[in-house]
């Protein structure tokens, strides 16, 4: 199942300037609360970079929610770098993207301004997707893939094909 998901995600992410982001919370947080906070974070980052008129701009976003040993869940994201997207905003943000994400996450009251939030450029997309999919598998796949924050803009992404639904497999 992991390879099927990787094969499904990769075409929609290739050719984009991507970031690998890890988000943690200072306190125990549930999946639904973290998912909502990530939606707010992406919205806030887009508003800072694109302005109010560009808030509707879609960024490629894949979020995996993983259990934490002491703090409920934490998140790993592949996020399209908003600075790589053309904008009509006259006064561009000059805050480096890693700092902007950390500042906005801290402003939501979940994460501190420490290194607990990490943002890195993605140089090895296959490796990043493999890392994201390390905890995905079996029937609980949708428990960790945050569908609420999933976005592959301007793509006609085919549906996931599992081993049971592949056309080359005899499904009798």
N, C-alpha and C. Protein backbone atom coordinates (compact mmCIF):
# COMPACT_ATOMS: atom_id res chain seq x y z
N UNK A 1 0.82 -1.19 0.00
CA UNK A 1 0.00 0.00 0.00
C UNK A 1 0.88 1.27 0.00
N UNK A 2 1.99 1.24 0.72
CA UNK A 2 2.86 2.41 0.78
C UNK A 2 3.36 2.80 -0.60
N UNK A 3 3.80 1.83 -1.36
CA UNK A 3 4.31 2.12 -2.70
C UNK A 3 3.20 2.63 -3.61
N UNK A 4 1.99 2.10 -3.44
CA UNK A 4 0.86 2.57 -4.24
C UNK A 4 0.59 4.05 -3.96
N UNK A 5 0.66 4.44 -2.71
CA UNK A 5 0.42 5.84 -2.35
C UNK A 5 1.54 6.71 -2.89
N UNK A 6 2.78 6.26 -2.76
CA UNK A 6 3.92 7.02 -3.29
C UNK A 6 3.77 7.20 -4.80
N UNK A 7 3.41 6.13 -5.50
CA UNK A 7 3.24 6.20 -6.95
C UNK A 7 2.11 7.16 -7.33
N UNK A 8 1.10 7.26 -6.50
CA UNK A 8 -0.04 8.15 -6.74
C UNK A 8 0.34 9.60 -6.48
N UNK A 9 1.14 9.86 -5.45
CA UNK A 9 1.50 11.23 -5.07
C UNK A 9 2.58 11.85 -5.96
N UNK A 10 3.58 11.07 -6.32
CA UNK A 10 4.76 11.62 -6.99
C UNK A 10 4.46 12.43 -8.25
N UNK A 11 3.61 11.98 -9.17
CA UNK A 11 3.38 12.78 -10.38
C UNK A 11 2.81 14.16 -10.08
N UNK A 12 1.98 14.28 -9.06
CA UNK A 12 1.38 15.57 -8.71
C UNK A 12 2.34 16.51 -8.01
N UNK A 13 3.44 15.99 -7.50
CA UNK A 13 4.40 16.82 -6.76
C UNK A 13 5.65 17.15 -7.55
N UNK A 14 5.95 16.34 -8.56
CA UNK A 14 7.19 16.57 -9.33
C UNK A 14 7.15 17.92 -10.03
N UNK A 15 8.32 18.54 -10.09
CA UNK A 15 8.46 19.81 -10.78
C UNK A 15 8.07 21.02 -9.95
N UNK A 16 7.73 20.82 -8.71
CA UNK A 16 7.36 21.93 -7.82
C UNK A 16 8.50 22.19 -6.84
N UNK A 17 8.59 23.42 -6.37
CA UNK A 17 9.54 23.79 -5.32
C UNK A 17 8.87 23.45 -3.99
N UNK A 18 9.32 22.38 -3.36
CA UNK A 18 8.63 21.84 -2.19
C UNK A 18 9.44 22.01 -0.91
N UNK A 19 8.70 22.03 0.20
CA UNK A 19 9.29 22.09 1.53
C UNK A 19 8.84 20.87 2.31
N UNK A 20 9.71 20.38 3.18
CA UNK A 20 9.34 19.33 4.12
C UNK A 20 9.26 19.99 5.49
N UNK A 21 8.08 19.98 6.08
CA UNK A 21 7.83 20.69 7.33
C UNK A 21 7.41 19.69 8.41
N UNK A 22 7.98 19.84 9.60
CA UNK A 22 7.55 19.08 10.77
C UNK A 22 6.95 20.05 11.76
N UNK A 23 5.76 19.75 12.24
CA UNK A 23 5.08 20.59 13.21
C UNK A 23 4.76 19.79 14.46
N UNK A 24 5.10 20.34 15.60
CA UNK A 24 4.80 19.71 16.88
C UNK A 24 4.02 20.70 17.73
N UNK A 25 3.49 20.21 18.82
CA UNK A 25 2.74 21.05 19.74
C UNK A 25 3.40 21.01 21.12
N UNK A 26 3.21 22.08 21.86
CA UNK A 26 3.76 22.13 23.21
C UNK A 26 2.94 21.31 24.18
N UNK A 27 1.75 20.91 23.78
CA UNK A 27 0.90 20.12 24.65
C UNK A 27 0.24 19.00 23.84
N UNK A 28 -0.39 18.06 24.54
CA UNK A 28 -1.04 16.93 23.87
C UNK A 28 -2.18 17.46 23.01
N UNK A 29 -2.20 17.02 21.77
CA UNK A 29 -3.19 17.54 20.82
C UNK A 29 -3.80 16.36 20.06
N UNK A 30 -5.08 16.47 19.76
CA UNK A 30 -5.79 15.43 19.01
C UNK A 30 -5.67 15.70 17.52
N UNK A 31 -5.91 14.66 16.74
CA UNK A 31 -5.78 14.76 15.27
C UNK A 31 -6.65 15.85 14.67
N UNK A 32 -7.90 15.91 15.07
CA UNK A 32 -8.81 16.90 14.50
C UNK A 32 -8.35 18.33 14.80
N UNK A 33 -7.89 18.54 16.01
CA UNK A 33 -7.41 19.87 16.40
C UNK A 33 -6.15 20.24 15.63
N UNK A 34 -5.25 19.28 15.45
CA UNK A 34 -4.02 19.54 14.70
C UNK A 34 -4.33 19.80 13.23
N UNK A 35 -5.25 19.05 12.67
CA UNK A 35 -5.64 19.25 11.28
C UNK A 35 -6.20 20.65 11.06
N UNK A 36 -7.07 21.09 11.96
CA UNK A 36 -7.63 22.44 11.87
C UNK A 36 -6.54 23.50 12.00
N UNK A 37 -5.60 23.28 12.91
CA UNK A 37 -4.50 24.23 13.10
C UNK A 37 -3.62 24.31 11.85
N UNK A 38 -3.41 23.19 11.19
CA UNK A 38 -2.61 23.19 9.96
C UNK A 38 -3.33 23.96 8.86
N UNK A 39 -4.65 23.82 8.77
CA UNK A 39 -5.43 24.61 7.81
C UNK A 39 -5.24 26.10 8.06
N UNK A 40 -5.30 26.48 9.32
CA UNK A 40 -5.11 27.89 9.68
C UNK A 40 -3.69 28.35 9.36
N UNK A 41 -2.72 27.49 9.64
CA UNK A 41 -1.32 27.85 9.37
C UNK A 41 -1.11 28.11 7.88
N UNK A 42 -1.58 27.20 7.04
CA UNK A 42 -1.40 27.36 5.59
C UNK A 42 -2.10 28.63 5.12
N UNK A 43 -3.29 28.89 5.64
CA UNK A 43 -4.02 30.11 5.29
C UNK A 43 -3.22 31.36 5.68
N UNK A 44 -2.68 31.36 6.89
CA UNK A 44 -1.91 32.52 7.38
C UNK A 44 -0.64 32.74 6.55
N UNK A 45 0.03 31.65 6.21
CA UNK A 45 1.24 31.77 5.40
C UNK A 45 0.89 32.32 4.01
N UNK A 46 -0.17 31.79 3.41
CA UNK A 46 -0.59 32.29 2.09
C UNK A 46 -0.96 33.76 2.15
N UNK A 47 -1.61 34.17 3.21
CA UNK A 47 -2.00 35.57 3.33
C UNK A 47 -0.77 36.48 3.44
N UNK A 48 0.24 36.04 4.18
CA UNK A 48 1.47 36.83 4.32
C UNK A 48 2.21 36.92 2.98
N UNK A 49 2.23 35.83 2.23
CA UNK A 49 3.00 35.81 0.99
C UNK A 49 2.21 36.40 -0.18
N UNK A 50 0.93 36.05 -0.31
CA UNK A 50 0.14 36.44 -1.46
C UNK A 50 -0.75 37.66 -1.22
N UNK A 51 -0.99 38.01 0.03
CA UNK A 51 -1.93 39.07 0.35
C UNK A 51 -3.36 38.55 0.35
N UNK A 52 -4.30 39.42 0.68
CA UNK A 52 -5.70 39.00 0.79
C UNK A 52 -6.27 38.50 -0.53
N UNK A 53 -5.87 39.13 -1.63
CA UNK A 53 -6.41 38.74 -2.93
C UNK A 53 -5.90 37.38 -3.38
N UNK A 54 -4.79 36.94 -2.83
CA UNK A 54 -4.21 35.67 -3.25
C UNK A 54 -4.44 34.53 -2.28
N UNK A 55 -5.30 34.75 -1.28
CA UNK A 55 -5.55 33.70 -0.28
C UNK A 55 -6.10 32.42 -0.90
N UNK A 56 -6.78 32.55 -2.01
CA UNK A 56 -7.37 31.37 -2.65
C UNK A 56 -6.39 30.58 -3.49
N UNK A 57 -5.15 31.03 -3.56
CA UNK A 57 -4.12 30.31 -4.31
C UNK A 57 -3.92 28.93 -3.70
N UNK A 58 -3.90 27.92 -4.54
CA UNK A 58 -3.73 26.55 -4.04
C UNK A 58 -2.26 26.18 -4.07
N UNK A 59 -1.80 25.63 -2.96
CA UNK A 59 -0.43 25.12 -2.85
C UNK A 59 -0.49 23.62 -2.70
N UNK A 60 0.41 22.93 -3.36
CA UNK A 60 0.48 21.48 -3.19
C UNK A 60 0.76 21.20 -1.71
N UNK A 61 -0.08 20.38 -1.10
CA UNK A 61 0.04 20.10 0.33
C UNK A 61 -0.32 18.64 0.60
N UNK A 62 0.59 17.94 1.26
CA UNK A 62 0.33 16.57 1.72
C UNK A 62 0.70 16.54 3.19
N UNK A 63 -0.24 16.15 4.04
CA UNK A 63 -0.01 16.15 5.49
C UNK A 63 -0.23 14.74 6.03
N UNK A 64 0.74 14.30 6.82
CA UNK A 64 0.63 13.03 7.52
C UNK A 64 0.64 13.33 9.02
N UNK A 65 -0.34 12.82 9.74
CA UNK A 65 -0.42 12.99 11.18
C UNK A 65 0.11 11.71 11.83
N UNK A 66 1.15 11.86 12.62
CA UNK A 66 1.78 10.70 13.27
C UNK A 66 1.60 10.76 14.77
N UNK A 67 1.45 9.60 15.41
CA UNK A 67 1.38 9.61 16.88
C UNK A 67 2.72 10.05 17.48
N UNK A 68 2.62 10.80 18.56
CA UNK A 68 3.81 11.17 19.33
C UNK A 68 3.79 10.39 20.63
N UNK A 69 4.93 10.14 21.17
CA UNK A 69 4.99 9.35 22.40
C UNK A 69 4.36 10.07 23.58
N UNK A 70 4.54 11.38 23.68
CA UNK A 70 4.01 12.10 24.83
C UNK A 70 2.97 13.15 24.46
N UNK A 71 2.87 13.52 23.21
CA UNK A 71 2.06 14.67 22.86
C UNK A 71 0.97 14.39 21.84
N UNK A 72 0.27 13.30 21.94
CA UNK A 72 -0.83 13.04 21.02
C UNK A 72 -0.34 12.76 19.61
N UNK A 73 -0.34 13.76 18.76
CA UNK A 73 0.11 13.61 17.39
C UNK A 73 0.98 14.80 16.99
N UNK A 74 1.77 14.58 15.96
CA UNK A 74 2.52 15.66 15.33
C UNK A 74 2.35 15.49 13.83
N UNK A 75 2.81 16.45 13.05
CA UNK A 75 2.56 16.40 11.61
C UNK A 75 3.84 16.56 10.81
N UNK A 76 3.87 15.86 9.68
CA UNK A 76 4.89 16.05 8.65
C UNK A 76 4.14 16.49 7.40
N UNK A 77 4.65 17.52 6.74
CA UNK A 77 4.01 18.05 5.55
C UNK A 77 5.00 18.14 4.41
N UNK A 78 4.50 17.90 3.23
CA UNK A 78 5.17 18.36 2.02
C UNK A 78 4.30 19.51 1.55
N UNK A 79 4.92 20.69 1.51
CA UNK A 79 4.20 21.91 1.20
C UNK A 79 4.91 22.64 0.07
N UNK A 80 4.15 23.07 -0.91
CA UNK A 80 4.74 23.85 -1.99
C UNK A 80 5.20 25.19 -1.43
N UNK A 81 6.41 25.58 -1.76
CA UNK A 81 6.96 26.84 -1.28
C UNK A 81 6.15 27.99 -1.89
N UNK A 82 5.45 28.76 -1.05
CA UNK A 82 4.62 29.83 -1.61
C UNK A 82 5.44 30.90 -2.34
N UNK A 83 6.71 31.05 -1.98
CA UNK A 83 7.55 32.03 -2.66
C UNK A 83 7.87 31.61 -4.09
N UNK A 84 7.62 30.37 -4.44
CA UNK A 84 7.89 29.90 -5.80
C UNK A 84 6.71 30.13 -6.73
N UNK A 85 5.58 30.57 -6.18
CA UNK A 85 4.36 30.78 -6.96
C UNK A 85 4.27 32.26 -7.32
N UNK A 86 3.96 32.53 -8.57
CA UNK A 86 3.83 33.91 -9.04
C UNK A 86 2.66 34.59 -8.34
N UNK A 87 2.89 35.81 -7.90
CA UNK A 87 1.85 36.56 -7.21
C UNK A 87 1.80 37.99 -7.75
N UNK A 88 0.63 38.60 -7.62
CA UNK A 88 0.48 39.98 -8.06
C UNK A 88 0.65 40.96 -6.89
N UNK A 89 0.99 40.44 -5.72
CA UNK A 89 1.17 41.29 -4.54
C UNK A 89 2.32 42.27 -4.79
N UNK A 90 2.07 43.55 -4.53
CA UNK A 90 3.06 44.57 -4.82
C UNK A 90 4.22 44.59 -3.84
N UNK A 91 3.94 44.34 -2.58
CA UNK A 91 4.98 44.37 -1.56
C UNK A 91 5.17 42.96 -1.03
N UNK A 92 6.16 42.28 -1.56
CA UNK A 92 6.39 40.88 -1.23
C UNK A 92 6.94 40.73 0.18
N UNK A 93 6.57 39.64 0.81
CA UNK A 93 7.12 39.31 2.13
C UNK A 93 8.61 39.02 1.98
N UNK A 94 9.38 39.48 2.94
CA UNK A 94 10.83 39.25 2.89
C UNK A 94 11.28 38.28 3.98
N UNK A 95 10.36 37.75 4.74
CA UNK A 95 10.69 36.82 5.81
C UNK A 95 11.01 35.46 5.19
N UNK A 96 12.16 34.86 5.52
CA UNK A 96 12.47 33.52 4.99
C UNK A 96 11.35 32.54 5.35
N UNK A 97 11.05 31.63 4.46
CA UNK A 97 9.89 30.75 4.62
C UNK A 97 9.95 29.94 5.91
N UNK A 98 11.10 29.42 6.28
CA UNK A 98 11.20 28.63 7.52
C UNK A 98 10.83 29.49 8.73
N UNK A 99 11.32 30.70 8.76
CA UNK A 99 11.02 31.61 9.87
C UNK A 99 9.54 31.99 9.86
N UNK A 100 8.98 32.23 8.69
CA UNK A 100 7.57 32.59 8.57
C UNK A 100 6.68 31.46 9.10
N UNK A 101 6.97 30.24 8.71
CA UNK A 101 6.17 29.10 9.17
C UNK A 101 6.27 28.96 10.69
N UNK A 102 7.47 29.08 11.25
CA UNK A 102 7.65 28.98 12.69
C UNK A 102 6.91 30.10 13.42
N UNK A 103 7.00 31.33 12.90
CA UNK A 103 6.31 32.45 13.52
C UNK A 103 4.80 32.26 13.51
N UNK A 104 4.26 31.85 12.38
CA UNK A 104 2.81 31.69 12.27
C UNK A 104 2.32 30.51 13.11
N UNK A 105 3.12 29.44 13.20
CA UNK A 105 2.75 28.29 14.03
C UNK A 105 2.73 28.71 15.50
N UNK A 106 3.72 29.48 15.92
CA UNK A 106 3.78 29.97 17.30
C UNK A 106 2.61 30.92 17.57
N UNK A 107 2.24 31.74 16.59
CA UNK A 107 1.13 32.68 16.76
C UNK A 107 -0.20 31.97 16.96
N UNK A 108 -0.31 30.75 16.48
CA UNK A 108 -1.53 29.96 16.69
C UNK A 108 -1.61 29.40 18.11
N UNK A 109 -0.51 29.51 18.86
CA UNK A 109 -0.51 29.05 20.24
C UNK A 109 -0.22 27.58 20.44
N UNK A 110 0.17 26.90 19.39
CA UNK A 110 0.44 25.47 19.51
C UNK A 110 1.92 25.17 19.64
N UNK A 111 2.70 25.77 18.78
CA UNK A 111 4.13 25.51 18.78
C UNK A 111 4.89 26.69 19.33
N UNK A 112 5.99 26.40 19.95
CA UNK A 112 6.84 27.48 20.42
C UNK A 112 7.67 28.00 19.27
N UNK A 113 8.48 28.99 19.53
CA UNK A 113 9.33 29.54 18.47
C UNK A 113 10.67 28.83 18.44
N UNK A 114 10.70 27.63 18.95
CA UNK A 114 11.95 26.87 19.02
C UNK A 114 12.14 26.00 17.79
N UNK A 115 13.16 25.20 17.82
CA UNK A 115 13.49 24.34 16.69
C UNK A 115 12.57 23.13 16.59
N UNK A 116 11.52 23.06 17.40
CA UNK A 116 10.59 21.94 17.32
C UNK A 116 9.86 21.93 15.99
N UNK A 117 9.77 23.10 15.35
CA UNK A 117 9.23 23.20 14.01
C UNK A 117 10.41 23.23 13.07
N UNK A 118 10.36 22.40 12.06
CA UNK A 118 11.49 22.31 11.14
C UNK A 118 10.98 22.44 9.72
N UNK A 119 11.64 23.24 8.93
CA UNK A 119 11.30 23.42 7.52
C UNK A 119 12.56 23.28 6.69
N UNK A 120 12.54 22.35 5.75
CA UNK A 120 13.68 22.09 4.88
C UNK A 120 13.21 22.02 3.43
N UNK A 121 14.06 22.45 2.53
CA UNK A 121 13.77 22.28 1.10
C UNK A 121 13.82 20.80 0.76
N UNK A 122 12.97 20.37 -0.15
CA UNK A 122 12.96 18.97 -0.60
C UNK A 122 13.86 18.86 -1.82
N UNK A 123 14.95 18.12 -1.66
CA UNK A 123 15.88 17.87 -2.77
C UNK A 123 15.69 16.46 -3.32
N UNK A 124 15.16 15.57 -2.50
CA UNK A 124 14.93 14.18 -2.89
C UNK A 124 13.45 13.87 -2.66
N UNK A 125 12.63 14.12 -3.68
CA UNK A 125 11.19 13.94 -3.54
C UNK A 125 10.82 12.50 -3.23
N UNK A 126 11.45 11.55 -3.90
CA UNK A 126 11.16 10.14 -3.63
C UNK A 126 11.42 9.81 -2.17
N UNK A 127 12.54 10.31 -1.63
CA UNK A 127 12.89 10.06 -0.23
C UNK A 127 11.91 10.72 0.73
N UNK A 128 11.48 11.95 0.41
CA UNK A 128 10.53 12.65 1.27
C UNK A 128 9.19 11.93 1.30
N UNK A 129 8.72 11.49 0.14
CA UNK A 129 7.45 10.76 0.08
C UNK A 129 7.58 9.42 0.80
N UNK A 130 8.71 8.76 0.64
CA UNK A 130 8.94 7.49 1.36
C UNK A 130 8.92 7.72 2.87
N UNK A 131 9.53 8.81 3.32
CA UNK A 131 9.53 9.12 4.75
C UNK A 131 8.10 9.40 5.23
N UNK A 132 7.34 10.17 4.46
CA UNK A 132 5.95 10.45 4.85
C UNK A 132 5.12 9.17 4.92
N UNK A 133 5.36 8.27 4.01
CA UNK A 133 4.53 7.07 3.95
C UNK A 133 5.00 5.95 4.88
N UNK A 134 6.01 6.21 5.70
CA UNK A 134 6.53 5.15 6.58
C UNK A 134 5.50 4.63 7.56
N UNK A 135 4.55 5.47 7.96
CA UNK A 135 3.54 5.02 8.91
C UNK A 135 2.20 4.72 8.26
N UNK A 136 2.16 4.81 6.93
CA UNK A 136 0.91 4.53 6.22
C UNK A 136 0.94 3.10 5.72
N UNK A 137 -0.16 2.45 5.87
CA UNK A 137 -0.25 1.10 5.35
C UNK A 137 -1.47 0.40 5.89
N UNK A 138 -1.85 -0.64 5.25
CA UNK A 138 -2.99 -1.42 5.70
C UNK A 138 -4.29 -0.65 5.59
N UNK A 139 -5.23 -1.04 6.41
CA UNK A 139 -6.57 -0.46 6.34
C UNK A 139 -6.66 0.88 7.05
N UNK A 140 -5.64 1.29 7.79
CA UNK A 140 -5.70 2.54 8.54
C UNK A 140 -5.07 3.70 7.76
N UNK A 141 -4.93 3.56 6.46
CA UNK A 141 -4.26 4.56 5.65
C UNK A 141 -4.87 5.96 5.81
N UNK A 142 -6.17 6.05 5.85
CA UNK A 142 -6.82 7.35 5.93
C UNK A 142 -6.80 7.93 7.33
N UNK A 143 -6.38 7.16 8.31
CA UNK A 143 -6.26 7.69 9.66
C UNK A 143 -5.10 8.66 9.77
N UNK A 144 -4.10 8.51 8.97
CA UNK A 144 -2.90 9.35 9.09
C UNK A 144 -2.76 10.36 7.96
N UNK A 145 -3.30 10.07 6.81
CA UNK A 145 -3.28 11.03 5.71
C UNK A 145 -4.37 12.07 5.99
N UNK A 146 -3.99 13.32 6.16
CA UNK A 146 -4.93 14.39 6.50
C UNK A 146 -5.62 14.86 5.22
N UNK A 147 -6.77 14.29 4.95
CA UNK A 147 -7.53 14.60 3.74
C UNK A 147 -8.00 16.06 3.74
N UNK A 148 -8.27 16.62 4.92
CA UNK A 148 -8.75 18.00 5.02
C UNK A 148 -7.75 19.01 4.47
N UNK A 149 -6.46 18.68 4.53
CA UNK A 149 -5.42 19.60 4.08
C UNK A 149 -4.70 19.11 2.83
N UNK A 150 -5.24 18.11 2.18
CA UNK A 150 -4.61 17.54 1.00
C UNK A 150 -4.94 18.38 -0.22
N UNK A 151 -3.92 18.72 -1.01
CA UNK A 151 -4.15 19.51 -2.22
C UNK A 151 -3.05 19.24 -3.24
N UNK A 152 -3.44 18.87 -4.42
CA UNK A 152 -2.53 18.79 -5.56
C UNK A 152 -3.14 19.64 -6.65
N UNK A 153 -2.86 20.96 -6.66
CA UNK A 153 -3.54 21.88 -7.58
C UNK A 153 -3.14 21.67 -9.04
N UNK A 154 -4.09 22.01 -9.91
CA UNK A 154 -3.86 21.96 -11.35
C UNK A 154 -3.35 20.62 -11.84
N UNK A 155 -3.83 19.60 -11.26
CA UNK A 155 -3.41 18.26 -11.63
C UNK A 155 -4.65 17.41 -11.88
N UNK A 156 -4.56 16.55 -12.84
CA UNK A 156 -5.60 15.55 -13.01
C UNK A 156 -5.02 14.24 -12.50
N UNK A 157 -4.99 14.14 -11.18
CA UNK A 157 -4.36 12.99 -10.53
C UNK A 157 -5.29 11.79 -10.61
N UNK A 158 -4.80 10.66 -11.11
CA UNK A 158 -5.64 9.47 -11.19
C UNK A 158 -5.90 8.92 -9.79
N UNK A 159 -6.98 8.18 -9.62
CA UNK A 159 -7.27 7.60 -8.31
C UNK A 159 -6.19 6.59 -7.91
N UNK A 160 -6.09 6.37 -6.60
CA UNK A 160 -5.12 5.40 -6.08
C UNK A 160 -5.50 4.02 -6.58
N UNK A 161 -4.52 3.29 -7.09
CA UNK A 161 -4.76 1.91 -7.48
C UNK A 161 -4.02 1.02 -6.51
N UNK A 162 -4.75 0.18 -5.82
CA UNK A 162 -4.14 -0.75 -4.89
C UNK A 162 -3.87 -2.06 -5.62
N UNK A 163 -3.19 -2.95 -4.95
CA UNK A 163 -2.87 -4.25 -5.56
C UNK A 163 -4.15 -4.98 -5.97
N UNK A 164 -5.24 -4.75 -5.25
CA UNK A 164 -6.49 -5.43 -5.56
C UNK A 164 -7.22 -4.79 -6.74
N UNK A 165 -6.92 -3.53 -7.08
CA UNK A 165 -7.67 -2.87 -8.14
C UNK A 165 -6.86 -2.63 -9.40
N UNK A 166 -5.65 -3.10 -9.44
CA UNK A 166 -4.81 -2.89 -10.63
C UNK A 166 -5.39 -3.65 -11.81
N UNK A 167 -5.40 -3.02 -12.98
CA UNK A 167 -5.96 -3.69 -14.15
C UNK A 167 -5.15 -4.91 -14.56
N UNK A 168 -3.87 -4.94 -14.21
CA UNK A 168 -3.03 -6.07 -14.61
C UNK A 168 -3.19 -7.27 -13.68
N UNK A 169 -4.01 -7.13 -12.65
CA UNK A 169 -4.20 -8.22 -11.69
C UNK A 169 -5.50 -8.93 -12.00
N UNK A 170 -5.49 -10.23 -11.90
CA UNK A 170 -6.69 -11.03 -12.12
C UNK A 170 -7.54 -10.95 -10.86
N UNK A 171 -8.64 -10.21 -10.91
CA UNK A 171 -9.50 -10.00 -9.74
C UNK A 171 -10.71 -10.93 -9.73
N UNK A 172 -10.52 -12.14 -10.03
CA UNK A 172 -11.67 -13.05 -10.05
C UNK A 172 -11.83 -13.73 -8.73
